[in-house]
């Protein structure tokens, strides 16, 4: 399972919102601390690269689908969970959409507000509908 790797990516994306970009030292420390396998590291690096390249696109998608809460006003944890899931849904065909949505909702419920899981699931459901 990639749950641990996905949560590690979430932490890196979350931190990047406060540091202005991905911190290589933090990334390396988290990979080591979480004891990620080579496959997990490959997955994590792939997701982080997709987010770095398509983050603007993801922000626009969230803005369109979340009228009451523009992307810029989201809780950083919600934004991070959404971006990880959007990377998987839009650019990683080897991961079922339902897994991405479920994992994002679980992360949001763990690290954000009580209502975040349903908010994140709702936004991602709209993305999948197209």
Protein backbone atom coordinates (compact mmCIF):
# COMPACT_ATOMS: atom_id res chain seq x y z
CA UNK A 1 0.00 0.00 0.00
CA UNK A 2 1.10 3.54 -0.71
CA UNK A 3 -0.70 5.14 2.21
CA UNK A 4 2.55 5.98 4.03
CA UNK A 5 4.19 7.31 0.87
CA UNK A 6 1.07 9.34 0.01
CA UNK A 7 0.98 10.86 3.49
CA UNK A 8 4.69 11.71 3.18
CA UNK A 9 4.02 13.50 -0.11
CA UNK A 10 1.15 15.35 1.57
CA UNK A 11 3.55 16.58 4.29
CA UNK A 12 6.05 17.82 1.70
CA UNK A 13 3.32 19.62 -0.29
CA UNK A 14 1.92 21.09 2.91
CA UNK A 15 5.33 22.42 3.99
CA UNK A 16 6.00 23.84 0.53
CA UNK A 17 3.08 26.25 0.96
CA UNK A 18 5.02 27.99 3.72
CA UNK A 19 8.53 27.79 2.29
CA UNK A 20 7.86 28.83 -1.30
CA UNK A 21 8.76 25.47 -2.80
CA UNK A 22 9.75 21.92 -2.13
CA UNK A 23 12.54 21.62 0.41
CA UNK A 24 15.02 18.92 -0.63
CA UNK A 25 16.37 18.51 2.91
CA UNK A 26 12.89 18.05 4.35
CA UNK A 27 11.99 15.63 1.57
CA UNK A 28 15.08 13.53 2.19
CA UNK A 29 14.53 13.54 5.96
CA UNK A 30 10.88 12.50 5.60
CA UNK A 31 11.73 9.71 3.16
CA UNK A 32 14.30 8.39 5.63
CA UNK A 33 12.13 8.90 8.73
CA UNK A 34 9.14 7.16 7.13
CA UNK A 35 11.38 4.33 5.87
CA UNK A 36 10.03 4.57 2.34
CA UNK A 37 10.98 1.77 -0.05
CA UNK A 38 12.52 2.45 -3.47
CA UNK A 39 9.07 2.00 -5.04
CA UNK A 40 7.54 4.42 -2.54
CA UNK A 41 10.26 7.00 -3.24
CA UNK A 42 9.71 6.60 -6.98
CA UNK A 43 5.97 7.15 -6.49
CA UNK A 44 6.54 10.15 -4.19
CA UNK A 45 9.01 11.80 -6.56
CA UNK A 46 6.61 11.28 -9.46
CA UNK A 47 3.70 12.90 -7.61
CA UNK A 48 5.86 15.81 -6.43
CA UNK A 49 7.11 16.41 -9.99
CA UNK A 50 3.54 16.42 -11.32
CA UNK A 51 2.46 18.90 -8.64
CA UNK A 52 5.45 21.15 -9.35
CA UNK A 53 4.59 21.14 -13.06
CA UNK A 54 0.78 21.33 -12.85
CA UNK A 55 0.08 23.10 -9.54
CA UNK A 56 -1.36 26.14 -11.33
CA UNK A 57 -3.73 23.91 -13.27
CA UNK A 58 -4.80 22.18 -10.05
CA UNK A 59 -5.46 25.54 -8.38
CA UNK A 60 -7.67 26.58 -11.32
CA UNK A 61 -9.61 23.31 -11.15
CA UNK A 62 -10.25 23.75 -7.44
CA UNK A 63 -11.31 27.39 -8.01
CA UNK A 64 -13.88 26.33 -10.62
CA UNK A 65 -15.33 23.56 -8.48
CA UNK A 66 -15.27 25.26 -5.11
CA UNK A 67 -17.11 28.52 -5.65
CA UNK A 68 -17.67 29.27 -1.97
CA UNK A 69 -14.03 28.57 -1.09
CA UNK A 70 -11.54 29.71 -3.72
CA UNK A 71 -8.30 27.74 -3.77
CA UNK A 72 -6.43 30.65 -2.17
CA UNK A 73 -8.73 30.52 0.90
CA UNK A 74 -8.61 26.77 1.49
CA UNK A 75 -7.02 25.31 4.58
CA UNK A 76 -3.44 24.43 3.58
CA UNK A 77 -4.06 20.81 4.59
CA UNK A 78 -7.13 20.58 2.33
CA UNK A 79 -5.23 22.13 -0.57
CA UNK A 80 -2.35 19.71 -0.08
CA UNK A 81 -4.61 16.65 0.03
CA UNK A 82 -6.44 17.86 -3.08
CA UNK A 83 -3.22 18.46 -5.02
CA UNK A 84 -1.87 14.99 -4.24
CA UNK A 85 -5.14 13.40 -5.36
CA UNK A 86 -5.37 15.60 -8.47
CA UNK A 87 -1.87 14.54 -9.51
CA UNK A 88 -2.95 10.92 -9.26
CA UNK A 89 -6.34 11.35 -10.91
CA UNK A 90 -5.18 13.46 -13.82
CA UNK A 91 -1.69 12.10 -14.52
CA UNK A 92 -1.28 8.62 -12.98
CA UNK A 93 -3.49 6.12 -14.77
CA UNK A 94 -2.16 3.22 -12.70
CA UNK A 95 -4.01 4.43 -9.58
CA UNK A 96 -7.81 3.97 -9.47
CA UNK A 97 -9.67 7.24 -8.91
CA UNK A 98 -11.59 5.77 -5.98
CA UNK A 99 -8.30 5.07 -4.19
CA UNK A 100 -7.09 8.64 -4.74
CA UNK A 101 -10.37 10.09 -3.44
CA UNK A 102 -10.50 7.79 -0.41
CA UNK A 103 -6.87 8.44 0.54
CA UNK A 104 -7.27 12.22 0.15
CA UNK A 105 -10.39 12.19 2.32
CA UNK A 106 -8.57 10.14 4.98
CA UNK A 107 -5.63 12.56 4.98
CA UNK A 108 -7.97 15.56 5.17
CA UNK A 109 -9.86 14.06 8.08
CA UNK A 110 -6.60 13.35 9.90
CA UNK A 111 -4.86 16.70 9.35
CA UNK A 112 -7.63 19.25 8.81
CA UNK A 113 -11.11 20.18 10.04
CA UNK A 114 -13.95 17.72 10.75
CA UNK A 115 -15.74 18.70 7.53
CA UNK A 116 -12.66 18.54 5.32
CA UNK A 117 -13.03 14.90 4.29
CA UNK A 118 -16.45 15.48 2.73
CA UNK A 119 -15.31 18.75 1.13
CA UNK A 120 -12.24 17.10 -0.43
CA UNK A 121 -14.31 14.10 -1.60
CA UNK A 122 -16.90 16.39 -3.14
CA UNK A 123 -14.38 18.45 -5.08
CA UNK A 124 -12.61 15.33 -6.34
CA UNK A 125 -15.92 13.70 -7.35
CA UNK A 126 -16.63 16.74 -9.53
CA UNK A 127 -13.16 16.50 -11.09
CA UNK A 128 -13.77 12.85 -11.97
CA UNK A 129 -17.20 13.65 -13.47
CA UNK A 130 -15.39 16.06 -15.73
